[in-house]
C-alpha atoms as a PDB file:
ATOM      1  CA  TRP A   1      -0.242  -0.096   0.216  1.00  0.00           C
ATOM      2  CA  ASP A   2       1.431   3.277  -1.077  1.00  0.00           C
ATOM      3  CA  TRP A   3       0.960   6.025   1.833  1.00  0.00           C
ATOM      4  CA  ARG A   4       1.001   8.669  -0.650  1.00  0.00           C
ATOM      5  CA  ARG A   5      -2.281   7.366  -2.194  1.00  0.00           C
ATOM      6  CA  VAL A   6      -5.719   9.462  -2.050  1.00  0.00           C
ATOM      7  CA  GLU A   7      -8.996   7.592  -1.276  1.00  0.00           C
ATOM      8  CA  GLU A   8     -12.393   9.178  -1.441  1.00  0.00           C
ATOM      9  CA  LYS A   9     -15.690   7.468  -0.456  1.00  0.00           C
ATOM     10  CA  ILE A  10     -19.015   8.329  -2.495  1.00  0.00           C
ATOM     11  CA  GLY A  11     -22.587   6.908  -2.572  1.00  0.00           C
ATOM     12  CA  VAL A  12     -24.555   6.109  -4.868  1.00  0.00           C
ATOM     13  CA  PRO A  13     -28.273   4.834  -5.935  1.00  0.00           C
ATOM     14  CA  ASN A  14     -27.946   0.899  -5.442  1.00  0.00           C
ATOM     15  CA  GLY A  15     -30.311   0.532  -9.087  1.00  0.00           C
ATOM     16  CA  VAL A  16     -27.894   2.774 -10.947  1.00  0.00           C
ATOM     17  CA  VAL A  17     -24.815   0.601  -9.873  1.00  0.00           C
ATOM     18  CA  GLY A  18     -25.300  -1.963 -13.347  1.00  0.00           C
ATOM     19  CA  PHE A  19     -25.189   1.362 -15.220  1.00  0.00           C
ATOM     20  CA  ILE A  20     -21.480   2.600 -14.035  1.00  0.00           C
ATOM     21  CA  ILE A  21     -20.517  -0.771 -14.341  1.00  0.00           C
ATOM     22  CA  GLY A  22     -21.375  -0.753 -17.813  1.00  0.00           C
ATOM     23  CA  ARG A  23     -21.706  -4.485 -20.361  1.00  0.00           C
ATOM     24  CA  GLY A  24     -19.026  -6.591 -19.447  1.00  0.00           C
ATOM     25  CA  GLY A  25     -17.627  -4.159 -16.770  1.00  0.00           C
ATOM     26  CA  GLU A  26     -16.629  -1.551 -20.229  1.00  0.00           C
ATOM     27  CA  SER A  27     -17.973   1.505 -18.599  1.00  0.00           C
ATOM     28  CA  ILE A  28     -16.043   0.800 -15.473  1.00  0.00           C
ATOM     29  CA  THR A  29     -12.790  -0.224 -17.538  1.00  0.00           C
ATOM     30  CA  SER A  30     -13.062   2.708 -19.721  1.00  0.00           C
ATOM     31  CA  MET A  31     -13.465   5.017 -16.278  1.00  0.00           C
ATOM     32  CA  GLN A  32     -10.531   3.990 -14.803  1.00  0.00           C
ATOM     33  CA  ARG A  33      -7.977   3.962 -17.486  1.00  0.00           C
ATOM     34  CA  LYS A  34      -9.279   7.353 -18.111  1.00  0.00           C
ATOM     35  CA  THR A  35      -8.877   8.907 -15.100  1.00  0.00           C
ATOM     36  CA  GLY A  36      -5.997   6.499 -13.333  1.00  0.00           C
ATOM     37  CA  CYS A  37      -8.370   6.239 -10.536  1.00  0.00           C
ATOM     38  CA  ARG A  38      -9.225   3.144  -8.959  1.00  0.00           C
ATOM     39  CA  VAL A  39     -13.299   1.985  -8.512  1.00  0.00           C
ATOM     40  CA  GLN A  40     -14.257  -0.218  -6.276  1.00  0.00           C
ATOM     41  CA  ILE A  41     -18.040  -0.854  -5.600  1.00  0.00           C
ATOM     42  CA  GLN A  42     -19.639  -2.189  -2.620  1.00  0.00           C
ATOM     43  CA  LYS A  43     -20.912  -5.653  -3.096  1.00  0.00           C
ATOM     44  CA  GLU A  44     -25.030  -5.511  -2.610  1.00  0.00           C
ATOM     45  CA  HIS A  45     -24.989  -8.154   0.406  1.00  0.00           C
ATOM     46  CA  GLU A  46     -22.523  -5.569   2.296  1.00  0.00           C
ATOM     47  CA  MET A  47     -24.904  -3.045   2.052  1.00  0.00           C
ATOM     48  CA  ALA A  48     -26.443  -1.917   5.384  1.00  0.00           C
ATOM     49  CA  PRO A  49     -29.813  -2.814   5.923  1.00  0.00           C
ATOM     50  CA  GLY A  50     -32.829  -0.703   4.482  1.00  0.00           C
ATOM     51  CA  THR A  51     -30.436   1.443   2.797  1.00  0.00           C
ATOM     52  CA  ALA A  52     -30.851   1.864  -0.877  1.00  0.00           C
ATOM     53  CA  GLN A  53     -27.607   3.219  -1.565  1.00  0.00           C
ATOM     54  CA  ARG A  54     -23.971   1.580  -2.338  1.00  0.00           C
ATOM     55  CA  VAL A  55     -20.485   2.823  -1.247  1.00  0.00           C
ATOM     56  CA  ILE A  56     -18.004   3.252  -4.046  1.00  0.00           C
ATOM     57  CA  THR A  57     -13.914   3.913  -3.221  1.00  0.00           C
ATOM     58  CA  LEU A  58     -12.005   6.077  -5.250  1.00  0.00           C
ATOM     59  CA  THR A  59      -8.417   5.195  -4.965  1.00  0.00           C
ATOM     60  CA  ALA A  60      -5.806   7.417  -6.813  1.00  0.00           C
ATOM     61  CA  ALA A  61      -2.162   9.018  -6.758  1.00  0.00           C
ATOM     62  CA  THR A  62      -4.002  12.174  -6.915  1.00  0.00           C
ATOM     63  CA  ALA A  63      -6.862  14.282  -5.487  1.00  0.00           C
ATOM     64  CA  GLU A  64      -7.343  15.476  -8.966  1.00  0.00           C
ATOM     65  CA  ALA A  65      -7.977  12.500 -10.217  1.00  0.00           C
ATOM     66  CA  ILE A  66     -10.380  11.368  -8.066  1.00  0.00           C
ATOM     67  CA  ALA A  67     -12.563  14.316  -8.631  1.00  0.00           C
ATOM     68  CA  GLN A  68     -12.503  13.715 -12.670  1.00  0.00           C
ATOM     69  CA  CYS A  69     -13.432  10.331 -11.872  1.00  0.00           C
ATOM     70  CA  ARG A  70     -16.087  11.103  -9.214  1.00  0.00           C
ATOM     71  CA  ALA A  71     -17.423  13.736 -12.234  1.00  0.00           C
ATOM     72  CA  ILE A  72     -17.913  10.857 -14.597  1.00  0.00           C
ATOM     73  CA  ILE A  73     -19.531   8.617 -12.087  1.00  0.00           C
ATOM     74  CA  GLU A  74     -21.989  11.640 -10.783  1.00  0.00           C
ATOM     75  CA  THR A  75     -22.842  12.461 -14.433  1.00  0.00           C
ATOM     76  CA  MET A  76     -23.668   9.019 -15.103  1.00  0.00           C
ATOM     77  CA  VAL A  77     -26.073   8.758 -12.147  1.00  0.00           C
ATOM     78  CA  ARG A  78     -27.668  12.163 -13.231  1.00  0.00           C
ATOM     79  CA  GLU A  79     -28.604  10.624 -16.719  1.00  0.00           C
ATOM     80  CA  ARG A  80     -29.316   7.227 -15.420  1.00  0.00           C
ATOM     81  CA  LEU A  81     -32.125   8.574 -13.322  1.00  0.00           C
ATOM     82  CA  GLN A  82     -33.009  10.976 -15.524  1.00  0.00           C
ATOM     83  CA  GLN A  83     -33.738   8.141 -18.101  1.00  0.00           C
ATOM     84  CA  THR A  84     -35.741   6.172 -15.335  1.00  0.00           C
ATOM     85  CA  GLY A  85     -37.687   8.862 -14.508  1.00  0.00           C
ATOM     86  CA  ALA A  86     -36.764   8.727 -11.182  1.00  0.00           C
ATOM     87  CA  LEU A  87     -35.078  12.443 -11.148  1.00  0.00           C
ATOM     88  CA  GLY A  88     -37.133  15.539 -13.319  1.00  0.00           C
ATOM     89  CA  PRO A  89     -36.277  17.964 -15.379  1.00  0.00           C
ATOM     90  CA  ALA A  90     -35.611  20.673 -12.689  1.00  0.00           C
ATOM     91  CA  THR A  91     -34.053  18.379 -10.447  1.00  0.00           C
ATOM     92  CA  ALA A  92     -31.772  17.240 -13.119  1.00  0.00           C
ATOM     93  CA  ALA A  93     -30.869  20.849 -13.696  1.00  0.00           C
ATOM     94  CA  ALA A  94     -30.161  21.414 -10.068  1.00  0.00           C
ATOM     95  CA  ALA A  95     -27.942  18.658  -9.580  1.00  0.00           C
ATOM     96  CA  ALA A  96     -25.812  19.881 -12.362  1.00  0.00           C
ATOM     97  CA  ALA A  97     -25.594  23.186 -10.930  1.00  0.00           C
ATOM     98  CA  GLN A  98     -23.690  21.724  -7.787  1.00  0.00           C
ATOM     99  CA  PRO A  99     -19.943  21.736  -7.840  1.00  0.00           C
ATOM    100  CA  THR A 100     -17.885  18.450  -8.994  1.00  0.00           C
ATOM    101  CA  VAL A 101     -14.497  19.305  -7.883  1.00  0.00           C
ATOM    102  CA  GLY A 102     -13.394  20.432  -4.582  1.00  0.00           C
ATOM    103  CA  PRO A 103     -14.506  20.016  -0.950  1.00  0.00           C
ATOM    104  CA  GLY A 104     -18.396  19.316  -0.556  1.00  0.00           C
ATOM    105  CA  SER A 105     -18.427  17.645  -4.235  1.00  0.00           C
ATOM    106  CA  ASN A 106     -20.467  14.606  -3.299  1.00  0.00           C
ATOM    107  CA  ALA A 107     -23.301  17.160  -2.833  1.00  0.00           C
ATOM    108  CA  ALA A 108     -24.514  16.252  -6.153  1.00  0.00           C
ATOM    109  CA  SER A 109     -24.717  12.755  -5.305  1.00  0.00           C
ATOM    110  CA  GLN A 110     -26.827  13.044  -1.724  1.00  0.00           C
ATOM    111  CA  MET A 111     -29.166  15.534  -3.821  1.00  0.00           C
ATOM    112  CA  LEU A 112     -29.782  12.472  -6.145  1.00  0.00           C
ATOM    113  CA  GLN A 113     -29.609  10.043  -3.470  1.00  0.00           C
ATOM    114  CA  LEU A 114     -32.417  12.169  -1.686  1.00  0.00           C
ATOM    115  CA  GLN A 115     -34.305  12.593  -4.843  1.00  0.00           C
ATOM    116  CA  LYS A 116     -34.529   9.021  -5.984  1.00  0.00           C
ATOM    117  CA  ALA A 117     -35.777   8.280  -2.212  1.00  0.00           C
ATOM    118  CA  LEU A 118     -38.520  10.836  -2.362  1.00  0.00           C
ATOM    119  CA  ALA A 119     -39.388   9.619  -5.991  1.00  0.00           C
ATOM    120  CA  GLU A 120     -39.517   5.702  -4.309  1.00  0.00           C
ATOM    121  CA  GLY A 121     -42.454   7.498  -1.431  1.00  0.00           C
ATOM    122  CA  GLN A 122     -39.944   7.235   1.304  1.00  0.00           C
ATOM    123  CA  ALA A 123     -40.457   9.564   4.863  1.00  0.00           C
ATOM    124  CA  HIS A 124     -37.713  12.526   4.639  1.00  0.00           C
ATOM    125  CA  VAL A 125     -36.965  14.018   8.379  1.00  0.00           C
ATOM    126  CA  THR A 126     -34.010  16.118   8.758  1.00  0.00           C
ATOM    127  CA  VAL A 127     -31.832  17.214  11.855  1.00  0.00           C
ATOM    128  CA  GLN A 128     -29.458  19.685  12.265  1.00  0.00           C
ATOM    129  CA  VAL A 129     -26.461  19.583  14.057  1.00  0.00           C
ATOM    130  CA  PRO A 130     -23.581  21.486  14.748  1.00  0.00           C
ATOM    131  CA  ASP A 131     -20.963  21.837  13.066  1.00  0.00           C
ATOM    132  CA  ALA A 132     -18.422  21.632  15.360  1.00  0.00           C
ATOM    133  CA  ASP A 133     -20.300  18.288  16.490  1.00  0.00           C
ATOM    134  CA  VAL A 134     -20.379  16.191  13.172  1.00  0.00           C
ATOM    135  CA  GLY A 135     -17.885  14.020  14.220  1.00  0.00           C
ATOM    136  CA  LEU A 136     -19.599  12.498  16.791  1.00  0.00           C
ATOM    137  CA  VAL A 137     -22.266  11.287  14.661  1.00  0.00           C
ATOM    138  CA  ILE A 138     -20.129  10.125  12.135  1.00  0.00           C
ATOM    139  CA  GLY A 139     -18.235   8.370  15.267  1.00  0.00           C
ATOM    140  CA  LYS A 140     -14.257   6.948  14.977  1.00  0.00           C
ATOM    141  CA  GLY A 141     -14.244   5.149  11.702  1.00  0.00           C
ATOM    142  CA  GLY A 142     -17.922   5.794  10.172  1.00  0.00           C
ATOM    143  CA  MET A 143     -18.829   3.627  13.484  1.00  0.00           C
ATOM    144  CA  GLN A 144     -21.660   5.601  14.968  1.00  0.00           C
ATOM    145  CA  ILE A 145     -22.845   6.525  12.166  1.00  0.00           C
ATOM    146  CA  ARG A 146     -23.519   3.191  10.826  1.00  0.00           C
ATOM    147  CA  ASN A 147     -24.749   1.691  13.821  1.00  0.00           C
ATOM    148  CA  ILE A 148     -27.079   4.739  13.508  1.00  0.00           C
ATOM    149  CA  GLN A 149     -28.220   3.303   9.980  1.00  0.00           C
ATOM    150  CA  GLU A 150     -28.407  -0.213  10.834  1.00  0.00           C
ATOM    151  CA  LYS A 151     -30.496  -0.025  13.967  1.00  0.00           C
ATOM    152  CA  SER A 152     -32.724   2.116  12.509  1.00  0.00           C
ATOM    153  CA  GLY A 153     -32.720   1.196   8.452  1.00  0.00           C
ATOM    154  CA  ALA A 154     -32.165   4.764   7.908  1.00  0.00           C
ATOM    155  CA  ASN A 155     -30.292   6.637   5.242  1.00  0.00           C
ATOM    156  CA  VAL A 156     -28.545   9.144   6.920  1.00  0.00           C
ATOM    157  CA  GLN A 157     -26.577  12.039   4.834  1.00  0.00           C
ATOM    158  CA  ILE A 158     -24.496  14.164   6.504  1.00  0.00           C
ATOM    159  CA  PRO A 159     -23.450  17.073   4.234  1.00  0.00           C
ATOM    160  CA  GLN A 160     -19.613  17.988   3.716  1.00  0.00           C
ATOM    161  CA  ALA A 161     -19.935  21.404   4.615  1.00  0.00           C
ATOM    162  CA  ALA A 162     -22.026  23.708   6.615  1.00  0.00           C
ATOM    163  CA  ASP A 163     -25.386  24.927   5.622  1.00  0.00           C
ATOM    164  CA  ALA A 164     -24.719  28.024   3.378  1.00  0.00           C
ATOM    165  CA  ASN A 165     -27.623  30.489   5.119  1.00  0.00           C
ATOM    166  CA  ASN A 166     -25.729  29.153   9.040  1.00  0.00           C
ATOM    167  CA  PRO A 167     -22.500  27.977   8.821  1.00  0.00           C
ATOM    168  CA  LEU A 168     -22.828  26.884  12.223  1.00  0.00           C
ATOM    169  CA  VAL A 169     -25.048  24.052  11.395  1.00  0.00           C
ATOM    170  CA  ARG A 170     -25.471  21.315   8.601  1.00  0.00           C
ATOM    171  CA  THR A 171     -29.095  19.773   7.816  1.00  0.00           C
ATOM    172  CA  VAL A 172     -28.651  15.970   7.752  1.00  0.00           C
ATOM    173  CA  ASN A 173     -31.285  14.084   5.808  1.00  0.00           C
ATOM    174  CA  ILE A 174     -32.703  11.260   6.580  1.00  0.00           C
ATOM    175  CA  THR A 175     -34.752   8.921   4.796  1.00  0.00           C
ATOM    176  CA  HIS A 176     -36.778   5.671   5.354  1.00  0.00           C
ATOM    177  CA  PRO A 177     -39.516   3.899   3.884  1.00  0.00           C
ATOM    178  CA  ASN A 178     -41.810   4.439   6.564  1.00  0.00           C
ATOM    179  CA  ILE A 179     -42.105   7.625   8.878  1.00  0.00           C
ATOM    180  CA  GLU A 180     -41.158   5.752  12.707  1.00  0.00           C
ATOM    181  CA  GLY A 181     -38.132   4.534  10.962  1.00  0.00           C
ATOM    182  CA  ALA A 182     -36.771   7.974   9.937  1.00  0.00           C
ATOM    183  CA  ASN A 183     -37.956   9.527  13.416  1.00  0.00           C
ATOM    184  CA  PHE A 184     -35.930   7.178  15.304  1.00  0.00           C
ATOM    185  CA  ALA A 185     -33.122   7.780  13.187  1.00  0.00           C
ATOM    186  CA  LYS A 186     -33.119  11.431  14.148  1.00  0.00           C
ATOM    187  CA  GLN A 187     -33.746  10.526  18.137  1.00  0.00           C
ATOM    188  CA  MET A 188     -30.385   8.549  17.953  1.00  0.00           C
ATOM    189  CA  ILE A 189     -29.098  11.645  16.673  1.00  0.00           C
ATOM    190  CA  GLU A 190     -30.878  13.814  18.985  1.00  0.00           C
ATOM    191  CA  GLU A 191     -29.324  12.005  21.747  1.00  0.00           C
ATOM    192  CA  ILE A 192     -25.813  12.282  20.754  1.00  0.00           C
ATOM    193  CA  MET A 193     -26.151  15.851  21.128  1.00  0.00           C
ATOM    194  CA  SER A 194     -28.046  15.739  24.150  1.00  0.00           C
ATOM    195  CA  SER A 195     -25.555  13.420  25.583  1.00  0.00           C
ATOM    196  CA  LYS A 196     -22.958  15.826  24.756  1.00  0.00           C
ATOM    197  CA  ALA A 197     -24.720  18.988  26.270  1.00  0.00           C
ATOM    198  CA  SER A 198     -25.251  16.793  29.581  1.00  0.00           C
ATOM    199  CA  MET A 199     -21.341  15.833  29.488  1.00  0.00           C
ATOM    200  CA  ASN A 200     -20.775  19.515  29.060  1.00  0.00           C
ATOM    201  CA  ASN A 201     -22.879  20.801  31.935  1.00  0.00           C
ATOM    202  CA  GLY A 202     -21.261  18.867  34.476  1.00  0.00           C
ATOM    203  CA  GLY A 203     -23.555  16.112  34.207  1.00  0.00           C
ATOM    204  CA  GLY A 204     -26.190  17.988  34.422  1.00  0.00           C
ATOM    205  CA  GLY A 205     -28.793  19.078  37.342  1.00  0.00           C
ATOM    206  CA  MET A 206     -26.251  19.048  39.519  1.00  0.00           C
ATOM    207  CA  GLY A 207     -27.484  22.514  41.430  1.00  0.00           C
ATOM    208  CA  GLY A 208     -27.316  23.768  44.814  1.00  0.00           C
ATOM    209  CA  GLY A 209     -28.006  20.411  46.030  1.00  0.00           C
ATOM    210  CA  GLY A 210     -24.797  18.656  44.996  1.00  0.00           C
ATOM    211  CA  ASP A 211     -23.185  21.938  46.657  1.00  0.00           C
ATOM    212  CA  VAL A 212     -24.832  21.353  50.212  1.00  0.00           C
ATOM    213  CA  THR A 213     -23.894  17.662  49.902  1.00  0.00           C
ATOM    214  CA  ILE A 214     -20.119  18.817  49.272  1.00  0.00           C
ATOM    215  CA  GLN A 215     -20.459  21.475  52.274  1.00  0.00           C
ATOM    216  CA  VAL A 216     -21.807  18.825  54.474  1.00  0.00           C
ATOM    217  CA  ASN A 217     -19.212  16.257  53.600  1.00  0.00           C
ATOM    218  CA  VAL A 218     -16.259  18.684  54.102  1.00  0.00           C
ATOM    219  CA  SER A 219     -18.043  19.297  57.559  1.00  0.00           C
ATOM    220  CA  ILE A 220     -18.006  16.189  59.050  1.00  0.00           C
ATOM    221  CA  GLN A 221     -14.313  15.316  57.301  1.00  0.00           C
ATOM    222  CA  PHE A 222     -13.173  18.202  59.397  1.00  0.00           C
ATOM    223  CA  SER A 223     -15.057  17.416  62.815  1.00  0.00           C
ATOM    224  CA  LEU A 224     -13.370  13.679  62.655  1.00  0.00           C
ATOM    225  CA  CYS A 225     -10.071  15.360  61.771  1.00  0.00           C
ATOM    226  CA  SER A 226     -10.928  17.545  65.017  1.00  0.00           C
ATOM    227  CA  PHE A 227     -11.697  14.780  66.869  1.00  0.00           C
ATOM    228  CA  TYR A 228      -8.660  12.991  66.326  1.00  0.00           C
ATOM    229  CA  HIS A 229      -6.302  15.716  66.773  1.00  0.00           C
ATOM    230  CA  LEU A 230      -8.086  16.312  70.082  1.00  0.00           C
ATOM    231  CA  ILE A 231      -6.968  12.297  70.830  1.00  0.00           C
ATOM    232  CA  PHE A 232      -3.787  12.862  69.701  1.00  0.00           C
ATOM    233  CA  LEU A 233      -3.105  16.057  71.397  1.00  0.00           C
ATOM    234  CA  SER A 234      -4.467  14.497  74.750  1.00  0.00           C
ATOM    235  CA  LEU A 235      -2.040  11.368  74.371  1.00  0.00           C
ATOM    236  CA  THR A 236       0.680  13.288  73.548  1.00  0.00           C
ATOM    237  CA  TRP A 237       0.468  15.540  76.742  1.00  0.00           C
ATOM    238  CA  GLY A 238      -0.554  12.598  78.415  1.00  0.00           C
ATOM    239  CA  LEU A 239       2.627  10.918  77.845  1.00  0.00           C
ATOM    240  CA  TRP A 240       4.402  14.078  78.289  1.00  0.00           C
ATOM    241  CA  GLY A 241       3.290  14.794  81.607  1.00  0.00           C
ATOM    242  CA  SER A 242       4.330  11.155  82.640  1.00  0.00           C
ATOM    243  CA  GLU A 243       7.851  11.271  81.411  1.00  0.00           C
ATOM    244  CA  ARG A 244       8.094  14.478  83.237  1.00  0.00           C
ATOM    245  CA  ARG A 245       7.097  13.355  87.082  1.00  0.00           C
ATOM    246  CA  SER A 246       9.608  10.749  86.434  1.00  0.00           C
ATOM    247  CA  TRP A 247      12.276  12.624  85.695  1.00  0.00           C
ATOM    248  CA  ASP A 248      11.318  15.114  89.077  1.00  0.00           C
ATOM    249  CA  CYS A 249      11.839  11.795  90.692  1.00  0.00           C
END
C-alpha cells in the first residue's frame, strides 16, 4: 500500500450501479483507464440494512484524478436517473449546478440519492447538527453513523460542509421507507447531541443540592479530623506529663 495515494468514498443509488459498471464492465474499465483512478464498488450484500445506496471507493495518486473520476460517476448517475424518470428535469438541472470538484463535491450525489428516495415514496426528515459536532455523529471510522443506519434501517446523509445560510450547523437528511424509522434515526442523533450537552454541563442537573452535599461532607471530615487531633494531643500531653514526673523523681 502506498501511503501517498488518496482515497475517497461516495454513495450512489443501488439501482444505477449496473449502469456505472457497464456491459461486461466496459464503463468502469474505461473510467479507470481514463482517470487513472481505481474504482471499487461495495457488494450488494454488504449494504447496511434498509439503505438504498452503495458505497464506491475511489483510490488514486492525486486528488485531481479522484475529482475527475467522481465527476464522471455523478454525471452517469444523473443521466441514468433522468432516463428512468426518477429525476425530473428541474431536479436534474439543480443537481448539475452543484460543484463537481473540490470540497463538498459529493453534494450532487447526496441530492440525487435524496431525490430518488423521495421518488420512491420514502419518508424524509431533517435534523440540524452543530458543525463542530458532526464528528460525534459520524464516529471513529464511521462506526457511529453505521450503527444508527443499521439499528434504524434509515439512510442518513451528512453534508460535507455547513449550511450556506448558517455556517454553524449542517442539515442532516434522513430517509426511510416509513416515518417511524426516519424519526427513530433522528432521535438517535438528537440523543448523541443531548449526551454531549450533559457532559459539558458537568453531568447535568447538579445544582445547589450538590453544593450542600459537598459542604456537609467537608464539615464531617473536619469534625472527624478535629476529634482525632484532640485525641492525639491528649495522648501526647499525657505521655509528656508521665515522663516529666519520672524525671522529677
